[in-house]
């Protein structure tokens, strides 16, 4: 049996007023696999200290910079130092702390997109290879049980050869010019010096892209993108649609927009093969529709009697009890912990535990951003997907 001792967790970013840091902490805590023991929660040392105090951390484990956290934790006795570092900063502050943490002997959980640029992503992949450390990338939607069921159904050939994939991520929160005021999320996500070369496509388009490749098992090979900036004064894209040519002769359509007024986060994917199709959306995350060419549509449910091993492994509650975003997020943290604990015990991790996004998905996500923006700027119909 794998070692079940809690992994000691440190966090970079996620201070008071941050959104995603609190989500990471809840996800890490849900299964009791981690204990948050240290943090550098803000570039402002006062904010970092205040956050650490609110979280009940020892004052000497709360640091004013990520460099201090990594250096001082590395100097602690092995039985005390953090083992995993979670990085929840804006995009431009992903690469440097992740690289330093990996090179200092720590495993890393990293928010998406993985880095600021594809060049950084490739450099980080080289660091992972050189150090032998593990990295988990938080593409949350792959953590849902029925997304995993969809992937398993496709992989075992239930739908036959895949022909068409549709994936969409509509949001409406940037329908107005929000970045001019006190909205910190809007300010950094629409700032090219912090977010990178893309807005909507980098922020939520990468989720849609990752979901498409995860569920279908196919790879994007060519794309044709229409990228828009709808709101006047905005510096990055807030809307886009992409035609896709996929491996094995399939085709796809990806839509990501942050100006669909009234929409929240209803991510949706539909996959169609020779024999039938499937349809999943976050608004009804416990349900997977499986559609057939020659018989009625089936309704598959989380916790149901026929689900496969991956969905079952990532389900916590009896059938009929909704499992949502936090549970999906927590599945990534738990699977990563199970993998690390198995390694500590000198045992192989199960395939279900190893099912979390990692460095390959991170590199492909950054390649998607750069390819889709290049396609949107080009007059050429099809652009090769290059990594």
Protein backbone atom coordinates (compact mmCIF):
# COMPACT_ATOMS: atom_id res chain seq x y z
CA UNK A 1 0.00 0.00 0.00
CA UNK A 2 1.24 3.50 -0.82
CA UNK A 3 2.34 5.82 1.93
CA UNK A 4 -0.65 7.85 3.12
CA UNK A 5 1.29 10.43 5.15
CA UNK A 6 0.17 13.92 4.23
CA UNK A 7 2.38 15.71 1.75
CA UNK A 8 3.74 19.00 3.04
CA UNK A 9 2.56 21.76 0.70
CA UNK A 10 3.94 25.24 0.08
CA UNK A 11 2.17 27.89 -1.98
CA UNK A 12 3.45 30.74 -4.13
CA UNK A 13 0.79 33.38 -4.78
CA UNK A 14 -2.82 33.16 -3.67
CA UNK A 15 -2.75 35.99 -1.12
CA UNK A 16 -5.67 38.01 0.18
CA UNK A 17 -7.92 39.16 -2.66
CA UNK A 18 -6.71 36.48 -5.08
CA UNK A 19 -9.31 34.16 -6.61
CA UNK A 20 -7.66 30.94 -7.68
CA UNK A 21 -5.38 30.53 -4.63
CA UNK A 22 -8.31 29.82 -2.34
CA UNK A 23 -9.64 27.28 -4.84
CA UNK A 24 -6.28 25.49 -4.88
CA UNK A 25 -6.21 25.38 -1.07
CA UNK A 26 -9.72 23.93 -0.89
CA UNK A 27 -8.90 21.36 -3.57
CA UNK A 28 -5.68 20.31 -1.86
CA UNK A 29 -7.44 19.96 1.50
CA UNK A 30 -10.49 17.99 0.35
CA UNK A 31 -9.02 14.48 0.56
CA UNK A 32 -6.61 15.04 3.42
CA UNK A 33 -3.59 14.25 1.25
CA UNK A 34 -1.80 17.58 1.83
CA UNK A 35 -1.00 19.88 4.71
CA UNK A 36 -0.30 23.53 3.85
CA UNK A 37 2.75 24.41 5.93
CA UNK A 38 4.43 27.34 4.13
CA UNK A 39 3.81 30.08 1.65
CA UNK A 40 4.99 33.19 -0.16
CA UNK A 41 1.51 34.46 -0.88
CA UNK A 42 2.29 37.85 -2.38
CA UNK A 43 5.10 39.99 -3.72
CA UNK A 44 4.09 42.35 -0.92
CA UNK A 45 5.62 40.86 2.27
CA UNK A 46 2.94 42.44 4.46
CA UNK A 47 0.19 40.80 2.42
CA UNK A 48 2.03 37.49 2.53
CA UNK A 49 2.35 37.67 6.32
CA UNK A 50 -1.30 38.63 6.75
CA UNK A 51 -2.41 35.74 4.55
CA UNK A 52 -0.23 33.29 6.45
CA UNK A 53 -1.69 34.49 9.72
CA UNK A 54 -5.24 34.00 8.45
CA UNK A 55 -4.32 30.48 7.36
CA UNK A 56 -2.80 29.67 10.74
CA UNK A 57 0.73 29.08 9.50
CA UNK A 58 3.82 29.42 11.67
CA UNK A 59 5.28 32.92 11.13
CA UNK A 60 8.69 31.53 10.21
CA UNK A 61 7.13 29.52 7.37
CA UNK A 62 5.61 32.59 5.71
CA UNK A 63 8.01 34.28 3.29
CA UNK A 64 8.27 37.59 1.50
CA UNK A 65 9.35 36.12 -1.84
CA UNK A 66 9.30 32.79 -3.66
CA UNK A 67 13.10 32.79 -3.67
CA UNK A 68 13.12 32.93 0.14
CA UNK A 69 10.52 30.19 0.38
CA UNK A 70 12.42 27.79 -1.85
CA UNK A 71 15.85 28.52 -0.36
CA UNK A 72 14.78 28.37 3.28
CA UNK A 73 12.53 25.35 2.87
CA UNK A 74 15.31 23.50 1.06
CA UNK A 75 17.60 24.24 4.03
CA UNK A 76 15.18 22.66 6.51
CA UNK A 77 15.56 19.01 7.58
CA UNK A 78 14.07 16.63 5.04
CA UNK A 79 11.35 15.54 7.45
CA UNK A 80 10.12 19.14 7.84
CA UNK A 81 10.56 20.88 4.50
CA UNK A 82 7.76 21.22 1.98
CA UNK A 83 7.55 18.45 -0.59
CA UNK A 84 5.18 20.00 -3.14
CA UNK A 85 4.96 23.64 -4.18
CA UNK A 86 1.74 24.99 -5.66
CA UNK A 87 2.18 28.04 -7.91
CA UNK A 88 -0.96 30.14 -8.36
CA UNK A 89 0.42 33.43 -9.68
CA UNK A 90 -0.47 35.26 -12.93
CA UNK A 91 0.97 33.74 -16.12
CA UNK A 92 4.13 35.82 -16.30
CA UNK A 93 5.16 34.59 -12.85
CA UNK A 94 4.86 30.85 -13.54
CA UNK A 95 8.14 29.91 -15.16
CA UNK A 96 10.80 31.29 -12.81
CA UNK A 97 9.40 29.89 -9.53
CA UNK A 98 8.48 26.56 -11.16
CA UNK A 99 11.98 26.17 -12.60
CA UNK A 100 13.63 27.06 -9.29
CA UNK A 101 11.35 24.75 -7.32
CA UNK A 102 11.98 21.78 -9.62
CA UNK A 103 15.74 22.36 -9.62
CA UNK A 104 15.65 22.59 -5.81
CA UNK A 105 14.11 19.14 -5.50
CA UNK A 106 10.41 19.97 -5.12
CA UNK A 107 7.47 18.62 -7.10
CA UNK A 108 5.18 21.30 -8.49
CA UNK A 109 1.48 21.96 -9.00
CA UNK A 110 1.09 24.77 -11.52
CA UNK A 111 -1.93 26.76 -12.61
CA UNK A 112 -2.65 27.00 -16.35
CA UNK A 113 -1.63 28.14 -18.89
CA UNK A 114 1.72 26.69 -17.92
CA UNK A 115 3.96 29.61 -18.83
CA UNK A 116 4.07 33.03 -20.47
CA UNK A 117 5.32 31.70 -23.81
CA UNK A 118 5.95 28.48 -25.72
CA UNK A 119 9.71 29.02 -25.39
CA UNK A 120 9.37 29.05 -21.60
CA UNK A 121 7.19 25.93 -21.75
CA UNK A 122 9.84 24.04 -23.68
CA UNK A 123 12.52 25.19 -21.23
CA UNK A 124 10.38 24.02 -18.31
CA UNK A 125 9.86 20.64 -19.97
CA UNK A 126 13.62 20.28 -20.20
CA UNK A 127 13.91 21.07 -16.48
CA UNK A 128 11.33 18.41 -15.61
CA UNK A 129 13.27 15.87 -17.64
CA UNK A 130 16.62 16.86 -16.16
CA UNK A 131 15.46 16.87 -12.55
CA UNK A 132 13.14 13.86 -12.64
CA UNK A 133 10.59 15.80 -10.59
CA UNK A 134 6.86 15.71 -11.30
CA UNK A 135 4.58 18.53 -12.35
CA UNK A 136 0.78 18.67 -12.25
CA UNK A 137 -0.99 21.28 -14.40
CA UNK A 138 -4.47 22.25 -13.21
CA UNK A 139 -6.68 21.81 -16.25
CA UNK A 140 -9.66 21.40 -13.95
CA UNK A 141 -12.29 20.10 -16.33
CA UNK A 142 -10.42 16.85 -16.97
CA UNK A 143 -11.04 16.04 -13.30
CA UNK A 144 -14.79 15.50 -13.67
CA UNK A 145 -15.81 11.83 -13.40
CA UNK A 146 -18.01 11.93 -16.50
CA UNK A 147 -15.29 13.61 -18.55
CA UNK A 148 -13.08 10.68 -17.61
CA UNK A 149 -15.90 8.31 -18.55
CA UNK A 150 -16.18 10.04 -21.93
CA UNK A 151 -12.45 9.64 -22.51
CA UNK A 152 -12.56 5.95 -21.56
CA UNK A 153 -15.54 5.26 -23.84
CA UNK A 154 -13.75 6.87 -26.77
CA UNK A 155 -10.46 5.10 -26.01
CA UNK A 156 -12.07 1.65 -25.91
CA UNK A 157 -13.71 2.24 -29.30
CA UNK A 158 -17.32 2.41 -28.16
CA UNK A 159 -18.12 5.17 -30.65
CA UNK A 160 -16.00 3.76 -33.45
CA UNK A 161 -13.57 5.97 -35.34
CA UNK A 162 -13.97 9.61 -34.28
CA UNK A 163 -15.12 11.97 -37.02
CA UNK A 164 -16.14 15.27 -35.42
CA UNK A 165 -15.48 17.14 -32.16
CA UNK A 166 -17.12 20.34 -30.95
CA UNK A 167 -15.89 22.12 -27.83
CA UNK A 168 -17.02 25.47 -26.47
CA UNK A 169 -16.29 27.70 -23.50
CA UNK A 170 -18.62 30.73 -23.31
CA UNK A 171 -18.21 33.41 -20.65
CA UNK A 172 -19.75 36.86 -20.37
CA UNK A 173 -17.83 38.52 -17.54
CA UNK A 174 -15.71 40.70 -19.86
CA UNK A 175 -18.65 41.99 -21.93
CA UNK A 176 -17.78 45.48 -20.67
CA UNK A 177 -14.43 47.20 -20.18
CA UNK A 178 -13.75 45.89 -16.67
CA UNK A 179 -9.99 46.35 -16.60
CA UNK A 180 -10.17 50.09 -16.06
CA UNK A 181 -11.34 49.82 -12.45
CA UNK A 182 -10.72 47.74 -9.34
CA UNK A 183 -11.27 44.34 -10.95
CA UNK A 184 -7.85 42.73 -10.46
CA UNK A 185 -8.79 39.61 -12.40
CA UNK A 186 -9.80 41.65 -15.44
CA UNK A 187 -6.75 43.88 -15.15
CA UNK A 188 -4.06 41.19 -15.29
CA UNK A 189 -5.90 38.79 -17.61
CA UNK A 190 -6.20 41.49 -20.28
CA UNK A 191 -2.67 42.85 -19.82
CA UNK A 192 -0.21 41.46 -22.40
CA UNK A 193 2.72 42.03 -20.03
CA UNK A 194 1.14 39.64 -17.51
CA UNK A 195 -1.11 37.34 -19.52
CA UNK A 196 0.95 36.90 -22.69
CA UNK A 197 -0.04 37.28 -26.33
CA UNK A 198 -3.62 36.09 -25.83
CA UNK A 199 -6.60 36.92 -23.66
CA UNK A 200 -9.64 34.67 -24.05
CA UNK A 201 -7.82 32.01 -26.03
CA UNK A 202 -5.07 31.82 -23.42
CA UNK A 203 -7.37 32.00 -20.41
CA UNK A 204 -10.22 29.69 -21.41
CA UNK A 205 -9.39 28.57 -24.96
CA UNK A 206 -6.55 26.48 -23.53
CA UNK A 207 -9.08 24.68 -21.30
CA UNK A 208 -11.25 23.92 -24.34
CA UNK A 209 -8.23 22.75 -26.33
CA UNK A 210 -7.02 20.51 -23.51
CA UNK A 211 -10.49 19.04 -23.02
CA UNK A 212 -10.78 18.27 -26.74
CA UNK A 213 -7.47 16.42 -26.93
CA UNK A 214 -8.04 14.66 -23.57
CA UNK A 215 -11.47 13.25 -24.37
CA UNK A 216 -10.99 12.50 -28.06
CA UNK A 217 -7.47 11.09 -27.76
CA UNK A 218 -6.70 12.95 -30.98
CA UNK A 219 -4.18 15.72 -31.66
CA UNK A 220 -4.71 19.02 -33.42
CA UNK A 221 -2.64 19.05 -36.62
CA UNK A 222 -3.91 22.16 -38.46
CA UNK A 223 -6.08 25.10 -37.52
CA UNK A 224 -7.85 28.11 -39.01
CA UNK A 225 -8.68 30.79 -36.44
CA UNK A 226 -10.87 33.89 -36.33
CA UNK A 227 -9.68 35.93 -33.34
CA UNK A 228 -11.51 39.08 -32.23
CA UNK A 229 -11.21 41.91 -29.73
CA UNK A 230 -14.81 43.04 -29.30
CA UNK A 231 -14.70 45.49 -26.39
CA UNK A 232 -13.24 48.86 -27.32
CA UNK A 233 -9.93 49.67 -25.64
CA UNK A 234 -9.09 46.07 -24.76
CA UNK A 235 -5.53 45.03 -25.59
CA UNK A 236 -6.03 41.28 -26.01
CA UNK A 237 -8.57 39.02 -27.70
CA UNK A 238 -11.86 38.44 -25.91
CA UNK A 239 -13.54 36.21 -28.51
CA UNK A 240 -12.61 33.60 -31.07
CA UNK A 241 -13.52 30.51 -33.06
CA UNK A 242 -11.19 27.92 -34.53
CA UNK A 243 -11.66 25.25 -37.22
CA UNK A 244 -9.50 22.23 -36.49
CA UNK A 245 -8.08 19.34 -38.44
CA UNK A 246 -7.32 16.48 -36.11
CA UNK A 247 -5.26 13.31 -36.33
CA UNK A 248 -6.86 10.20 -37.84
CA UNK A 249 -8.86 12.30 -40.30
CA UNK A 250 -11.24 13.90 -37.81
CA UNK A 251 -12.21 17.58 -37.75
CA UNK A 252 -13.31 19.92 -34.99
CA UNK A 253 -14.60 23.31 -33.97
CA UNK A 254 -13.47 25.25 -30.88
CA UNK A 255 -15.21 28.37 -29.59
CA UNK A 256 -13.99 30.47 -26.66
CA UNK A 257 -15.48 33.85 -25.79
CA UNK A 258 -15.64 36.14 -22.79
CA UNK A 259 -18.21 38.52 -24.29
CA UNK A 260 -21.23 36.20 -24.42
CA UNK A 261 -23.36 38.33 -22.08
CA UNK A 262 -25.07 36.31 -19.38
CA UNK A 263 -22.93 33.20 -19.77
CA UNK A 264 -20.96 31.87 -16.82
CA UNK A 265 -18.68 28.84 -17.31
CA UNK A 266 -20.71 26.24 -19.17
CA UNK A 267 -17.88 24.33 -20.81
CA UNK A 268 -19.25 21.74 -23.24
CA UNK A 269 -17.79 19.00 -25.45
CA UNK A 270 -19.45 16.81 -28.06
CA UNK A 271 -17.65 13.95 -29.78
CA UNK A 272 -19.09 12.00 -32.73
CA UNK A 273 -17.84 8.70 -34.14
CA UNK A 274 -19.00 6.18 -36.72
CA UNK A 275 -21.42 4.47 -34.30
CA UNK A 276 -22.58 7.30 -32.05
CA UNK A 277 -21.66 10.38 -30.07
CA UNK A 278 -21.38 11.80 -26.59
CA UNK A 279 -22.25 15.14 -25.02
CA UNK A 280 -21.04 16.59 -21.69
CA UNK A 281 -21.47 20.05 -20.21
CA UNK A 282 -20.36 21.53 -16.90
CA UNK A 283 -23.85 22.90 -16.14
CA UNK A 284 -24.96 19.27 -15.66
CA UNK A 285 -21.62 17.74 -14.82
CA UNK A 286 -22.98 14.48 -13.39
CA UNK A 287 -24.58 13.59 -16.73
CA UNK A 288 -23.01 12.21 -19.89
CA UNK A 289 -25.29 11.71 -22.87
CA UNK A 290 -24.33 8.83 -25.14
CA UNK A 291 -26.13 9.03 -28.48
CA UNK A 292 -26.52 6.20 -30.96
CA UNK A 293 -27.12 6.00 -34.69
CA UNK A 294 -29.65 3.18 -34.39
CA UNK A 295 -31.16 3.33 -30.89
CA UNK A 296 -32.30 5.85 -28.25
CA UNK A 297 -29.93 8.17 -26.41
CA UNK A 298 -28.57 6.87 -23.10
CA UNK A 299 -28.12 8.95 -19.94
CA UNK A 300 -24.99 7.96 -18.03
CA UNK A 301 -24.62 9.34 -14.51
CA UNK A 302 -21.77 9.84 -12.06
CA UNK A 303 -21.74 6.96 -9.58
CA UNK A 304 -23.90 4.80 -11.83
CA UNK A 305 -23.47 1.03 -12.08
CA UNK A 306 -21.85 0.92 -15.52
CA UNK A 307 -19.11 3.55 -15.29
CA UNK A 308 -15.52 2.60 -15.93
CA UNK A 309 -12.56 2.54 -13.55
CA UNK A 310 -11.42 6.12 -14.18
CA UNK A 311 -14.82 7.67 -13.44
CA UNK A 312 -15.29 5.43 -10.40
CA UNK A 313 -11.85 6.31 -9.05
CA UNK A 314 -12.70 10.02 -9.22
CA UNK A 315 -16.19 9.79 -7.68
CA UNK A 316 -16.68 10.46 -3.97
CA UNK A 317 -20.42 10.50 -3.34
CA UNK A 318 -23.32 8.09 -3.97
CA UNK A 319 -25.16 8.44 -7.26
CA UNK A 320 -27.47 11.46 -7.41
CA UNK A 321 -25.31 13.69 -5.22
CA UNK A 322 -23.78 16.43 -7.39
CA UNK A 323 -20.00 16.64 -7.63
CA UNK A 324 -18.75 19.90 -9.00
CA UNK A 325 -15.84 22.18 -9.77
CA UNK A 326 -14.05 21.87 -6.43
CA UNK A 327 -14.24 18.09 -6.50
CA UNK A 328 -12.92 18.02 -10.07
CA UNK A 329 -10.09 20.33 -9.04
CA UNK A 330 -9.41 18.15 -6.01
CA UNK A 331 -9.18 15.05 -8.21
CA UNK A 332 -6.08 16.51 -9.86
CA UNK A 333 -4.46 17.19 -6.49
CA UNK A 334 -5.43 13.75 -5.16
CA UNK A 335 -4.17 11.83 -8.19
CA UNK A 336 -0.90 13.77 -8.04
CA UNK A 337 -0.57 12.95 -4.33
CA UNK A 338 -1.31 9.26 -4.90
CA UNK A 339 1.38 9.16 -7.58
CA UNK A 340 3.98 10.84 -5.35
CA UNK A 341 3.09 8.63 -2.36
CA UNK A 342 3.42 5.50 -4.47
CA UNK A 343 6.85 6.61 -5.63
CA UNK A 344 7.90 7.33 -2.04
CA UNK A 345 6.87 3.79 -1.14
CA UNK A 346 8.80 2.35 -4.09
CA UNK A 347 5.61 1.16 -5.77
CA UNK A 348 4.16 1.86 -9.21
CA UNK A 349 1.26 4.30 -9.27
CA UNK A 350 -1.99 3.02 -10.74
CA UNK A 351 -3.07 4.20 -14.22
CA UNK A 352 -5.98 6.02 -12.56
CA UNK A 353 -3.62 7.90 -10.21
CA UNK A 354 -1.33 8.85 -13.09
CA UNK A 355 -4.29 10.43 -14.91
CA UNK A 356 -3.55 14.11 -14.34
CA UNK A 357 -2.39 16.87 -16.75
CA UNK A 358 1.35 17.36 -16.80
CA UNK A 359 4.21 18.88 -18.76
CA UNK A 360 3.17 17.54 -22.18
CA UNK A 361 -0.27 19.11 -21.87
CA UNK A 362 1.37 22.34 -20.74
CA UNK A 363 3.64 22.54 -23.77
CA UNK A 364 0.80 21.74 -26.16
CA UNK A 365 -1.39 24.36 -24.46
CA UNK A 366 1.22 27.05 -25.02
CA UNK A 367 1.67 25.86 -28.60
CA UNK A 368 -2.10 26.20 -29.07
CA UNK A 369 -1.99 29.83 -27.92
CA UNK A 370 0.84 30.78 -30.24
CA UNK A 371 -0.52 28.85 -33.22
CA UNK A 372 -4.05 30.18 -32.83
CA UNK A 373 -2.93 33.80 -32.54
CA UNK A 374 -0.62 33.37 -35.57
CA UNK A 375 -3.50 31.88 -37.54
CA UNK A 376 -5.80 34.72 -36.51
CA UNK A 377 -3.29 37.25 -37.83
CA UNK A 378 -2.66 35.36 -41.07
CA UNK A 379 -4.51 35.51 -44.39
CA UNK A 380 -3.68 31.86 -44.96
CA UNK A 381 -6.64 29.52 -44.50
CA UNK A 382 -4.86 26.67 -42.70
CA UNK A 383 -1.90 26.90 -40.32
CA UNK A 384 0.13 23.83 -39.34
CA UNK A 385 0.05 23.16 -35.60
CA UNK A 386 3.70 23.34 -34.60
CA UNK A 387 5.24 22.75 -31.18
